[in-house]
Amino acid sequence: MSAALEIGTPTGLARAHVDGAGGAGTLVLGHGAGGGVESADLVEITREAVAAGWRVVRVEQPWRVAGKRIAVAPPRLDEGWNAVLAHLRADGVLTGPLVLGGRSAGARVACRTAADQGAAGVLALAFPLHPPGRPEKSRAAELTAVDVPLVVVQGETDAFGAPADVAAVLAGRPGASVYAVPGDHSLKKNVAVVAAAAMSWLDELTSA
């Protein structure tokens, strides 16, 4: 299956890019505030996951579909995301175990909505633990609130939080892990390694 579905939400028209048969489950990915669903890490993970039997849905938020350059506030992101998932669930697209994820702002959305959506796990790519140079503005609470298996794939030189910083936040938290990969917040340096980390975790999640 490969399709681009336009879905009306309270915050505008969203677009869901659906690939794969879904025998292994469904992975729903959100994009960051500075890019779209075509980012290198999301594309590579989609390719690898589909090959492994997953259905992958990359959700293009309404602000991005509308051609705006600045993302809306987090509550509006969550509203659009939840509306898309409700539509996909009603249409039978979300088959098997549901894993929510995304990169940067999209990872935050996945963390915040995992419980309400009944997710089996959360895949967080380049989680923005804090704004660059502002560790006091921590978003750690969004990570620690996730009560299902969680993995964070973090660039070794990510200015939004190093892998060690993320690991410190999640220390002692059962079911949480951090993969340090080459590169910065963009995760573009070696997308094959990023995808390998994601797939290793997905394999562990579904075989547990």
N, C-alpha and C. Protein backbone atom coordinates (compact mmCIF):
# COMPACT_ATOMS: atom_id res chain seq x y z
N MET A 1 0.84 -1.20 0.00
CA MET A 1 0.00 0.00 0.00
C MET A 1 0.87 1.24 0.00
N SER A 2 0.57 2.18 -0.85
CA SER A 2 1.27 3.47 -0.86
C SER A 2 0.27 4.53 -1.29
N ALA A 3 0.03 5.49 -0.41
CA ALA A 3 -0.98 6.51 -0.71
C ALA A 3 -0.70 7.76 0.09
N ALA A 4 -1.18 8.89 -0.41
CA ALA A 4 -1.14 10.16 0.32
C ALA A 4 -2.59 10.58 0.56
N LEU A 5 -3.00 10.54 1.81
CA LEU A 5 -4.38 10.82 2.17
C LEU A 5 -4.51 12.20 2.77
N GLU A 6 -5.42 13.00 2.25
CA GLU A 6 -5.69 14.31 2.83
C GLU A 6 -6.79 14.18 3.87
N ILE A 7 -6.52 14.70 5.05
CA ILE A 7 -7.41 14.51 6.19
C ILE A 7 -7.70 15.86 6.83
N GLY A 8 -8.97 16.18 6.96
CA GLY A 8 -9.37 17.41 7.62
C GLY A 8 -9.22 17.30 9.13
N THR A 9 -8.67 18.35 9.74
CA THR A 9 -8.50 18.39 11.19
C THR A 9 -8.99 19.75 11.69
N PRO A 10 -9.17 19.91 13.00
CA PRO A 10 -9.57 21.22 13.53
C PRO A 10 -8.56 22.33 13.26
N THR A 11 -7.34 21.96 12.91
CA THR A 11 -6.30 22.96 12.67
C THR A 11 -5.97 23.11 11.19
N GLY A 12 -6.76 22.47 10.33
CA GLY A 12 -6.53 22.57 8.89
C GLY A 12 -6.34 21.21 8.25
N LEU A 13 -6.04 21.22 6.97
CA LEU A 13 -5.88 19.99 6.21
C LEU A 13 -4.51 19.38 6.45
N ALA A 14 -4.49 18.12 6.89
CA ALA A 14 -3.26 17.37 7.07
C ALA A 14 -3.12 16.37 5.93
N ARG A 15 -1.93 15.78 5.84
CA ARG A 15 -1.70 14.77 4.81
C ARG A 15 -0.97 13.59 5.43
N ALA A 16 -1.49 12.40 5.21
CA ALA A 16 -0.88 11.18 5.73
C ALA A 16 -0.30 10.38 4.57
N HIS A 17 1.00 10.17 4.61
CA HIS A 17 1.70 9.40 3.58
C HIS A 17 1.82 7.97 4.10
N VAL A 18 1.09 7.06 3.48
CA VAL A 18 0.97 5.69 3.97
C VAL A 18 1.72 4.74 3.06
N ASP A 19 2.61 3.94 3.65
CA ASP A 19 3.38 2.95 2.89
C ASP A 19 3.41 1.64 3.64
N GLY A 20 3.36 0.54 2.92
CA GLY A 20 3.55 -0.77 3.52
C GLY A 20 2.27 -1.52 3.83
N ALA A 21 2.42 -2.82 4.03
CA ALA A 21 1.27 -3.70 4.24
C ALA A 21 0.80 -3.72 5.69
N GLY A 22 1.72 -3.61 6.63
CA GLY A 22 1.33 -3.52 8.03
C GLY A 22 1.21 -4.83 8.76
N GLY A 23 1.79 -5.91 8.24
CA GLY A 23 1.71 -7.18 8.94
C GLY A 23 2.39 -7.17 10.29
N ALA A 24 3.45 -6.38 10.41
CA ALA A 24 4.20 -6.32 11.67
C ALA A 24 3.61 -5.30 12.65
N GLY A 25 2.83 -4.37 12.14
CA GLY A 25 2.29 -3.30 12.96
C GLY A 25 2.31 -1.99 12.19
N THR A 26 1.95 -0.92 12.87
CA THR A 26 1.91 0.40 12.23
C THR A 26 2.80 1.37 12.98
N LEU A 27 3.67 2.04 12.24
CA LEU A 27 4.56 3.06 12.77
C LEU A 27 4.12 4.40 12.22
N VAL A 28 3.74 5.32 13.10
CA VAL A 28 3.29 6.65 12.68
C VAL A 28 4.36 7.65 13.08
N LEU A 29 4.84 8.42 12.10
CA LEU A 29 5.96 9.34 12.31
C LEU A 29 5.56 10.78 12.02
N GLY A 30 5.97 11.68 12.88
CA GLY A 30 5.75 13.11 12.67
C GLY A 30 7.06 13.81 12.33
N HIS A 31 6.97 14.91 11.61
CA HIS A 31 8.17 15.65 11.21
C HIS A 31 8.52 16.74 12.21
N GLY A 32 9.65 17.38 11.99
CA GLY A 32 10.11 18.44 12.87
C GLY A 32 9.55 19.80 12.52
N ALA A 33 9.96 20.80 13.29
CA ALA A 33 9.47 22.16 13.06
C ALA A 33 10.18 22.85 11.90
N GLY A 34 11.33 22.32 11.51
CA GLY A 34 12.08 22.96 10.44
C GLY A 34 12.09 22.19 9.14
N GLY A 35 11.33 21.12 9.05
CA GLY A 35 11.32 20.30 7.85
C GLY A 35 10.04 19.49 7.76
N GLY A 36 9.97 18.68 6.71
CA GLY A 36 8.76 17.90 6.49
C GLY A 36 9.01 16.40 6.54
N VAL A 37 8.06 15.65 5.99
CA VAL A 37 8.13 14.20 6.03
C VAL A 37 9.18 13.64 5.08
N GLU A 38 9.80 14.53 4.28
CA GLU A 38 10.83 14.08 3.36
C GLU A 38 12.23 14.13 3.98
N SER A 39 12.35 14.42 5.27
CA SER A 39 13.66 14.46 5.91
C SER A 39 14.34 13.10 5.79
N ALA A 40 15.66 13.12 5.68
CA ALA A 40 16.42 11.92 5.35
C ALA A 40 16.20 10.78 6.33
N ASP A 41 16.14 11.09 7.62
CA ASP A 41 15.97 10.01 8.61
C ASP A 41 14.59 9.37 8.51
N LEU A 42 13.55 10.19 8.32
CA LEU A 42 12.20 9.64 8.21
C LEU A 42 12.06 8.79 6.95
N VAL A 43 12.64 9.24 5.86
CA VAL A 43 12.57 8.49 4.60
C VAL A 43 13.28 7.15 4.72
N GLU A 44 14.46 7.14 5.32
CA GLU A 44 15.22 5.90 5.45
C GLU A 44 14.55 4.92 6.40
N ILE A 45 14.03 5.42 7.50
CA ILE A 45 13.33 4.54 8.44
C ILE A 45 12.07 3.97 7.79
N THR A 46 11.37 4.79 7.02
CA THR A 46 10.19 4.30 6.30
C THR A 46 10.57 3.16 5.37
N ARG A 47 11.63 3.34 4.62
CA ARG A 47 12.06 2.31 3.68
C ARG A 47 12.40 1.00 4.39
N GLU A 48 13.16 1.12 5.47
CA GLU A 48 13.58 -0.07 6.20
C GLU A 48 12.40 -0.75 6.90
N ALA A 49 11.53 0.03 7.50
CA ALA A 49 10.40 -0.54 8.22
C ALA A 49 9.41 -1.22 7.28
N VAL A 50 9.15 -0.61 6.14
CA VAL A 50 8.25 -1.22 5.16
C VAL A 50 8.83 -2.55 4.69
N ALA A 51 10.13 -2.59 4.46
CA ALA A 51 10.78 -3.83 4.04
C ALA A 51 10.66 -4.92 5.11
N ALA A 52 10.54 -4.50 6.37
CA ALA A 52 10.42 -5.45 7.48
C ALA A 52 8.97 -5.80 7.79
N GLY A 53 8.03 -5.31 6.98
CA GLY A 53 6.63 -5.67 7.15
C GLY A 53 5.75 -4.69 7.89
N TRP A 54 6.30 -3.53 8.20
CA TRP A 54 5.51 -2.51 8.89
C TRP A 54 4.73 -1.66 7.90
N ARG A 55 3.61 -1.14 8.35
CA ARG A 55 2.96 -0.03 7.65
C ARG A 55 3.48 1.25 8.30
N VAL A 56 3.94 2.16 7.50
CA VAL A 56 4.48 3.42 8.03
C VAL A 56 3.63 4.58 7.53
N VAL A 57 3.21 5.41 8.45
CA VAL A 57 2.43 6.60 8.13
C VAL A 57 3.22 7.82 8.55
N ARG A 58 3.62 8.63 7.58
CA ARG A 58 4.30 9.89 7.90
C ARG A 58 3.25 11.00 7.85
N VAL A 59 3.04 11.64 8.97
CA VAL A 59 1.98 12.65 9.10
C VAL A 59 2.53 14.04 8.83
N GLU A 60 1.99 14.67 7.82
CA GLU A 60 2.36 16.05 7.46
C GLU A 60 1.37 16.98 8.14
N GLN A 61 1.86 17.73 9.10
CA GLN A 61 1.00 18.59 9.90
C GLN A 61 0.33 19.68 9.05
N PRO A 62 -0.88 20.13 9.45
CA PRO A 62 -1.60 21.15 8.67
C PRO A 62 -0.81 22.40 8.36
N TRP A 63 0.01 22.88 9.30
CA TRP A 63 0.77 24.11 9.03
C TRP A 63 1.74 23.90 7.89
N ARG A 64 2.26 22.69 7.78
CA ARG A 64 3.21 22.39 6.70
C ARG A 64 2.49 22.22 5.37
N VAL A 65 1.34 21.55 5.40
CA VAL A 65 0.53 21.38 4.18
C VAL A 65 0.12 22.74 3.63
N ALA A 66 -0.17 23.68 4.52
CA ALA A 66 -0.60 25.02 4.11
C ALA A 66 0.55 25.88 3.60
N GLY A 67 1.77 25.36 3.67
CA GLY A 67 2.92 26.10 3.16
C GLY A 67 3.49 27.13 4.11
N LYS A 68 3.11 27.05 5.38
CA LYS A 68 3.65 28.00 6.35
C LYS A 68 5.05 27.59 6.78
N ARG A 69 5.84 28.55 7.19
CA ARG A 69 7.25 28.29 7.51
C ARG A 69 7.49 28.12 9.00
N ILE A 70 6.52 28.49 9.82
CA ILE A 70 6.70 28.41 11.27
C ILE A 70 5.63 27.49 11.84
N ALA A 71 6.07 26.54 12.65
CA ALA A 71 5.14 25.59 13.24
C ALA A 71 4.23 26.26 14.26
N VAL A 72 3.06 25.67 14.44
CA VAL A 72 2.10 26.18 15.43
C VAL A 72 2.51 25.68 16.81
N ALA A 73 1.82 26.16 17.84
CA ALA A 73 2.14 25.81 19.22
C ALA A 73 1.87 24.33 19.49
N PRO A 74 2.58 23.75 20.47
CA PRO A 74 2.43 22.32 20.77
C PRO A 74 1.00 21.82 20.93
N PRO A 75 0.11 22.53 21.65
CA PRO A 75 -1.25 22.01 21.76
C PRO A 75 -1.96 21.88 20.41
N ARG A 76 -1.65 22.77 19.49
CA ARG A 76 -2.25 22.70 18.15
C ARG A 76 -1.64 21.56 17.35
N LEU A 77 -0.36 21.31 17.54
CA LEU A 77 0.27 20.16 16.89
C LEU A 77 -0.40 18.87 17.35
N ASP A 78 -0.59 18.75 18.65
CA ASP A 78 -1.22 17.55 19.21
C ASP A 78 -2.65 17.38 18.68
N GLU A 79 -3.36 18.50 18.55
CA GLU A 79 -4.75 18.45 18.09
C GLU A 79 -4.83 17.91 16.66
N GLY A 80 -3.96 18.43 15.79
CA GLY A 80 -3.96 17.96 14.42
C GLY A 80 -3.56 16.49 14.32
N TRP A 81 -2.52 16.12 15.05
CA TRP A 81 -2.01 14.74 15.09
C TRP A 81 -3.08 13.77 15.56
N ASN A 82 -3.75 14.10 16.67
CA ASN A 82 -4.79 13.23 17.21
C ASN A 82 -5.96 13.07 16.24
N ALA A 83 -6.29 14.13 15.53
CA ALA A 83 -7.38 14.06 14.54
C ALA A 83 -7.01 13.13 13.39
N VAL A 84 -5.76 13.20 12.96
CA VAL A 84 -5.30 12.31 11.88
C VAL A 84 -5.36 10.86 12.34
N LEU A 85 -4.88 10.59 13.53
CA LEU A 85 -4.88 9.22 14.04
C LEU A 85 -6.31 8.69 14.21
N ALA A 86 -7.22 9.54 14.66
CA ALA A 86 -8.61 9.11 14.80
C ALA A 86 -9.20 8.73 13.45
N HIS A 87 -8.90 9.51 12.44
CA HIS A 87 -9.38 9.23 11.08
C HIS A 87 -8.79 7.92 10.56
N LEU A 88 -7.49 7.74 10.74
CA LEU A 88 -6.83 6.52 10.26
C LEU A 88 -7.32 5.29 11.01
N ARG A 89 -7.57 5.44 12.28
CA ARG A 89 -8.09 4.31 13.07
C ARG A 89 -9.48 3.92 12.58
N ALA A 90 -10.32 4.90 12.34
CA ALA A 90 -11.68 4.63 11.86
C ALA A 90 -11.67 3.96 10.50
N ASP A 91 -10.68 4.27 9.68
CA ASP A 91 -10.57 3.69 8.35
C ASP A 91 -9.81 2.36 8.32
N GLY A 92 -9.39 1.88 9.48
CA GLY A 92 -8.71 0.60 9.54
C GLY A 92 -7.27 0.62 9.08
N VAL A 93 -6.65 1.80 9.05
CA VAL A 93 -5.27 1.90 8.60
C VAL A 93 -4.29 1.50 9.70
N LEU A 94 -4.64 1.71 10.94
CA LEU A 94 -3.73 1.44 12.06
C LEU A 94 -3.85 -0.03 12.47
N THR A 95 -3.19 -0.91 11.74
CA THR A 95 -3.27 -2.33 12.00
C THR A 95 -2.13 -2.80 12.89
N GLY A 96 -2.39 -3.80 13.73
CA GLY A 96 -1.36 -4.38 14.58
C GLY A 96 -0.90 -3.43 15.66
N PRO A 97 0.24 -3.74 16.30
CA PRO A 97 0.77 -2.85 17.34
C PRO A 97 1.03 -1.45 16.77
N LEU A 98 0.67 -0.44 17.54
CA LEU A 98 0.85 0.95 17.11
C LEU A 98 2.05 1.56 17.80
N VAL A 99 3.02 2.01 17.00
CA VAL A 99 4.19 2.71 17.53
C VAL A 99 4.14 4.15 17.02
N LEU A 100 4.23 5.09 17.93
CA LEU A 100 4.25 6.50 17.56
C LEU A 100 5.67 7.01 17.61
N GLY A 101 6.00 7.93 16.72
CA GLY A 101 7.34 8.48 16.71
C GLY A 101 7.44 9.72 15.86
N GLY A 102 8.68 10.14 15.66
CA GLY A 102 8.91 11.33 14.85
C GLY A 102 10.25 11.92 15.20
N ARG A 103 10.60 12.99 14.48
CA ARG A 103 11.86 13.66 14.75
C ARG A 103 11.62 15.03 15.37
N SER A 104 12.41 15.37 16.35
CA SER A 104 12.40 16.68 16.99
C SER A 104 11.00 17.04 17.51
N ALA A 105 10.37 18.08 16.98
CA ALA A 105 9.03 18.45 17.45
C ALA A 105 8.05 17.30 17.29
N GLY A 106 8.23 16.51 16.24
CA GLY A 106 7.36 15.35 16.05
C GLY A 106 7.55 14.29 17.12
N ALA A 107 8.79 14.16 17.62
CA ALA A 107 9.05 13.24 18.73
C ALA A 107 8.34 13.70 19.99
N ARG A 108 8.32 15.01 20.20
CA ARG A 108 7.63 15.55 21.37
C ARG A 108 6.13 15.26 21.29
N VAL A 109 5.56 15.43 20.11
CA VAL A 109 4.13 15.14 19.92
C VAL A 109 3.85 13.67 20.24
N ALA A 110 4.70 12.78 19.74
CA ALA A 110 4.52 11.36 19.98
C ALA A 110 4.55 11.04 21.47
N CYS A 111 5.51 11.64 22.18
CA CYS A 111 5.60 11.42 23.63
C CYS A 111 4.35 11.91 24.35
N ARG A 112 3.88 13.08 23.98
CA ARG A 112 2.74 13.67 24.68
C ARG A 112 1.43 12.92 24.43
N THR A 113 1.33 12.25 23.30
CA THR A 113 0.04 11.63 22.93
C THR A 113 0.04 10.11 23.04
N ALA A 114 1.17 9.51 23.40
CA ALA A 114 1.27 8.04 23.41
C ALA A 114 0.22 7.38 24.29
N ALA A 115 0.02 7.92 25.49
CA ALA A 115 -0.92 7.29 26.42
C ALA A 115 -2.35 7.33 25.87
N ASP A 116 -2.78 8.49 25.42
CA ASP A 116 -4.15 8.63 24.91
C ASP A 116 -4.39 7.79 23.67
N GLN A 117 -3.35 7.56 22.88
CA GLN A 117 -3.51 6.80 21.65
C GLN A 117 -3.30 5.29 21.83
N GLY A 118 -2.97 4.87 23.04
CA GLY A 118 -2.77 3.45 23.29
C GLY A 118 -1.57 2.88 22.56
N ALA A 119 -0.52 3.67 22.43
CA ALA A 119 0.68 3.24 21.72
C ALA A 119 1.39 2.12 22.45
N ALA A 120 2.00 1.21 21.67
CA ALA A 120 2.78 0.12 22.25
C ALA A 120 4.21 0.56 22.51
N GLY A 121 4.62 1.68 21.91
CA GLY A 121 5.97 2.19 22.09
C GLY A 121 6.14 3.53 21.42
N VAL A 122 7.24 4.21 21.74
CA VAL A 122 7.54 5.53 21.17
C VAL A 122 8.96 5.55 20.65
N LEU A 123 9.11 5.97 19.39
CA LEU A 123 10.41 6.11 18.73
C LEU A 123 10.69 7.60 18.56
N ALA A 124 11.61 8.11 19.37
CA ALA A 124 11.92 9.55 19.37
C ALA A 124 13.26 9.78 18.68
N LEU A 125 13.23 10.50 17.57
CA LEU A 125 14.43 10.82 16.81
C LEU A 125 14.83 12.26 17.10
N ALA A 126 16.08 12.47 17.51
CA ALA A 126 16.58 13.82 17.78
C ALA A 126 15.65 14.58 18.72
N PHE A 127 15.37 13.98 19.87
CA PHE A 127 14.48 14.64 20.83
C PHE A 127 15.11 15.96 21.29
N PRO A 128 14.38 17.08 21.16
CA PRO A 128 14.94 18.38 21.57
C PRO A 128 14.78 18.58 23.07
N LEU A 129 15.73 18.06 23.81
CA LEU A 129 15.63 18.08 25.27
C LEU A 129 15.56 19.50 25.82
N HIS A 130 16.23 20.43 25.12
CA HIS A 130 16.18 21.84 25.51
C HIS A 130 16.60 22.66 24.30
N PRO A 131 16.25 23.95 24.24
CA PRO A 131 16.76 24.80 23.16
C PRO A 131 18.28 24.89 23.24
N PRO A 132 18.96 25.06 22.12
CA PRO A 132 20.43 25.15 22.14
C PRO A 132 20.93 26.20 23.12
N GLY A 133 21.84 25.79 24.00
CA GLY A 133 22.41 26.71 24.96
C GLY A 133 21.50 27.07 26.11
N ARG A 134 20.33 26.42 26.22
CA ARG A 134 19.38 26.75 27.28
C ARG A 134 18.96 25.49 28.05
N PRO A 135 19.89 24.82 28.70
CA PRO A 135 19.54 23.57 29.40
C PRO A 135 18.50 23.77 30.50
N GLU A 136 18.36 25.01 30.97
CA GLU A 136 17.36 25.26 32.01
C GLU A 136 15.93 25.17 31.48
N LYS A 137 15.79 25.24 30.16
CA LYS A 137 14.47 25.13 29.52
C LYS A 137 14.21 23.67 29.13
N SER A 138 14.33 22.78 30.08
CA SER A 138 14.26 21.34 29.80
C SER A 138 12.84 20.86 29.48
N ARG A 139 12.78 19.92 28.53
CA ARG A 139 11.51 19.26 28.19
C ARG A 139 11.53 17.81 28.68
N ALA A 140 12.35 17.57 29.69
CA ALA A 140 12.51 16.21 30.19
C ALA A 140 11.20 15.58 30.62
N ALA A 141 10.27 16.39 31.12
CA ALA A 141 9.00 15.86 31.62
C ALA A 141 8.22 15.13 30.53
N GLU A 142 8.41 15.56 29.27
CA GLU A 142 7.70 14.88 28.17
C GLU A 142 8.24 13.47 27.97
N LEU A 143 9.53 13.28 28.18
CA LEU A 143 10.13 11.95 28.07
C LEU A 143 9.73 11.07 29.26
N THR A 144 9.86 11.60 30.45
CA THR A 144 9.61 10.79 31.64
C THR A 144 8.13 10.45 31.82
N ALA A 145 7.25 11.16 31.13
CA ALA A 145 5.82 10.87 31.22
C ALA A 145 5.42 9.67 30.37
N VAL A 146 6.28 9.25 29.45
CA VAL A 146 5.97 8.11 28.59
C VAL A 146 6.05 6.83 29.41
N ASP A 147 4.94 6.07 29.47
CA ASP A 147 4.93 4.87 30.30
C ASP A 147 4.89 3.58 29.49
N VAL A 148 5.29 3.67 28.22
CA VAL A 148 5.43 2.49 27.37
C VAL A 148 6.89 2.44 26.91
N PRO A 149 7.34 1.33 26.31
CA PRO A 149 8.73 1.29 25.84
C PRO A 149 9.08 2.49 24.98
N LEU A 150 10.24 3.07 25.23
CA LEU A 150 10.67 4.30 24.59
C LEU A 150 12.12 4.19 24.17
N VAL A 151 12.41 4.63 22.96
CA VAL A 151 13.80 4.73 22.53
C VAL A 151 14.04 6.13 21.99
N VAL A 152 15.20 6.70 22.30
CA VAL A 152 15.61 7.99 21.77
C VAL A 152 16.87 7.76 20.94
N VAL A 153 16.80 8.13 19.66
CA VAL A 153 17.96 8.04 18.78
C VAL A 153 18.50 9.46 18.65
N GLN A 154 19.68 9.69 19.23
CA GLN A 154 20.19 11.05 19.39
C GLN A 154 21.57 11.22 18.76
N GLY A 155 21.76 12.31 18.02
CA GLY A 155 23.06 12.61 17.44
C GLY A 155 24.08 12.94 18.51
N GLU A 156 25.30 12.48 18.31
CA GLU A 156 26.35 12.67 19.32
C GLU A 156 26.67 14.13 19.58
N THR A 157 26.45 15.01 18.58
CA THR A 157 26.74 16.44 18.75
C THR A 157 25.47 17.28 18.69
N ASP A 158 24.35 16.71 19.08
CA ASP A 158 23.07 17.43 19.04
C ASP A 158 23.09 18.59 20.03
N ALA A 159 22.93 19.81 19.52
CA ALA A 159 22.93 21.01 20.37
C ALA A 159 21.67 21.10 21.23
N PHE A 160 20.66 20.32 20.89
CA PHE A 160 19.41 20.32 21.66
C PHE A 160 19.45 19.30 22.81
N GLY A 161 20.60 18.68 23.02
CA GLY A 161 20.75 17.71 24.09
C GLY A 161 21.58 16.52 23.62
N ALA A 162 22.69 16.28 24.29
CA ALA A 162 23.56 15.16 23.93
C ALA A 162 22.94 13.85 24.39
N PRO A 163 23.35 12.73 23.78
CA PRO A 163 22.83 11.43 24.21
C PRO A 163 22.99 11.19 25.71
N ALA A 164 24.13 11.62 26.28
CA ALA A 164 24.35 11.43 27.71
C ALA A 164 23.34 12.20 28.55
N ASP A 165 22.95 13.38 28.06
CA ASP A 165 21.95 14.18 28.78
C ASP A 165 20.59 13.48 28.77
N VAL A 166 20.24 12.92 27.62
CA VAL A 166 18.98 12.19 27.51
C VAL A 166 19.01 10.95 28.39
N ALA A 167 20.14 10.24 28.36
CA ALA A 167 20.28 9.04 29.17
C ALA A 167 20.15 9.35 30.66
N ALA A 168 20.68 10.50 31.07
CA ALA A 168 20.58 10.90 32.48
C ALA A 168 19.13 11.12 32.89
N VAL A 169 18.36 11.71 31.98
CA VAL A 169 16.94 11.94 32.25
C VAL A 169 16.20 10.63 32.41
N LEU A 170 16.57 9.63 31.60
CA LEU A 170 15.85 8.35 31.58
C LEU A 170 16.47 7.30 32.49
N ALA A 171 17.51 7.65 33.23
CA ALA A 171 18.19 6.70 34.10
C ALA A 171 17.22 6.04 35.07
N GLY A 172 17.25 4.71 35.12
CA GLY A 172 16.39 3.98 36.04
C GLY A 172 14.98 3.79 35.56
N ARG A 173 14.68 4.33 34.39
CA ARG A 173 13.32 4.20 33.86
C ARG A 173 13.21 2.91 33.04
N PRO A 174 12.45 1.92 33.51
CA PRO A 174 12.34 0.64 32.80
C PRO A 174 11.80 0.83 31.38
N GLY A 175 12.36 0.09 30.44
CA GLY A 175 11.84 0.12 29.08
C GLY A 175 12.29 1.29 28.26
N ALA A 176 13.20 2.11 28.77
CA ALA A 176 13.69 3.28 28.03
C ALA A 176 15.15 3.07 27.65
N SER A 177 15.50 3.45 26.42
CA SER A 177 16.88 3.31 25.97
C SER A 177 17.25 4.47 25.08
N VAL A 178 18.55 4.69 24.95
CA VAL A 178 19.08 5.77 24.12
C VAL A 178 20.15 5.20 23.18
N TYR A 179 20.03 5.51 21.90
CA TYR A 179 21.04 5.15 20.93
C TYR A 179 21.78 6.43 20.52
N ALA A 180 23.09 6.46 20.72
CA ALA A 180 23.91 7.58 20.24
C ALA A 180 24.39 7.25 18.83
N VAL A 181 24.14 8.16 17.89
CA VAL A 181 24.52 7.94 16.50
C VAL A 181 25.36 9.13 16.02
N PRO A 182 26.16 8.94 14.97
CA PRO A 182 26.99 10.04 14.47
C PRO A 182 26.14 11.22 14.00
N GLY A 183 26.65 12.44 14.22
CA GLY A 183 25.99 13.62 13.66
C GLY A 183 25.31 14.50 14.67
N ASP A 184 24.64 15.52 14.13
CA ASP A 184 23.99 16.53 14.95
C ASP A 184 22.47 16.34 14.96
N HIS A 185 21.74 17.42 15.22
CA HIS A 185 20.29 17.33 15.37
C HIS A 185 19.59 16.87 14.09
N SER A 186 20.20 17.11 12.95
CA SER A 186 19.57 16.75 11.68
C SER A 186 19.58 15.24 11.44
N LEU A 187 20.48 14.52 12.09
CA LEU A 187 20.65 13.07 11.91
C LEU A 187 20.93 12.70 10.45
N LYS A 188 21.53 13.61 9.70
CA LYS A 188 21.79 13.37 8.29
C LYS A 188 23.15 12.70 8.03
N LYS A 189 24.03 12.68 9.02
CA LYS A 189 25.40 12.23 8.78
C LYS A 189 25.47 10.78 8.33
N ASN A 190 24.65 9.93 8.94
CA ASN A 190 24.62 8.51 8.57
C ASN A 190 23.23 7.97 8.84
N VAL A 191 22.33 8.19 7.88
CA VAL A 191 20.93 7.78 8.08
C VAL A 191 20.80 6.27 8.16
N ALA A 192 21.75 5.54 7.58
CA ALA A 192 21.69 4.08 7.66
C ALA A 192 21.84 3.61 9.10
N VAL A 193 22.72 4.27 9.85
CA VAL A 193 22.91 3.93 11.26
C VAL A 193 21.67 4.32 12.07
N VAL A 194 21.08 5.46 11.76
CA VAL A 194 19.85 5.89 12.43
C VAL A 194 18.75 4.86 12.21
N ALA A 195 18.57 4.44 10.96
CA ALA A 195 17.53 3.47 10.65
C ALA A 195 17.81 2.12 11.30
N ALA A 196 19.09 1.72 11.33
CA ALA A 196 19.46 0.46 11.96
C ALA A 196 19.12 0.46 13.45
N ALA A 197 19.37 1.60 14.12
CA ALA A 197 19.03 1.73 15.54
C ALA A 197 17.52 1.61 15.74
N ALA A 198 16.76 2.30 14.90
CA ALA A 198 15.30 2.26 14.99
C ALA A 198 14.78 0.85 14.76
N MET A 199 15.31 0.17 13.75
CA MET A 199 14.83 -1.17 13.43
C MET A 199 15.22 -2.18 14.49
N SER A 200 16.39 -2.03 15.08
CA SER A 200 16.80 -2.92 16.16
C SER A 200 15.82 -2.83 17.32
N TRP A 201 15.44 -1.60 17.65
CA TRP A 201 14.49 -1.40 18.75
C TRP A 201 13.11 -1.93 18.39
N LEU A 202 12.66 -1.70 17.17
CA LEU A 202 11.35 -2.21 16.74
C LEU A 202 11.31 -3.73 16.80
N ASP A 203 12.41 -4.36 16.41
CA ASP A 203 12.48 -5.82 16.48
C ASP A 203 12.37 -6.31 17.92
N GLU A 204 13.07 -5.63 18.82
CA GLU A 204 13.01 -5.98 20.23
C GLU A 204 11.60 -5.79 20.79
N LEU A 205 10.97 -4.69 20.38
CA LEU A 205 9.63 -4.37 20.88
C LEU A 205 8.63 -5.44 20.49
N THR A 206 8.65 -5.88 19.25
CA THR A 206 7.64 -6.82 18.76
C THR A 206 7.96 -8.26 19.14
N SER A 207 9.21 -8.53 19.53
CA SER A 207 9.56 -9.90 19.91
C SER A 207 9.51 -10.13 21.41
N ALA A 208 9.28 -9.05 22.14
CA ALA A 208 9.24 -9.15 23.61
C ALA A 208 8.03 -9.95 24.08
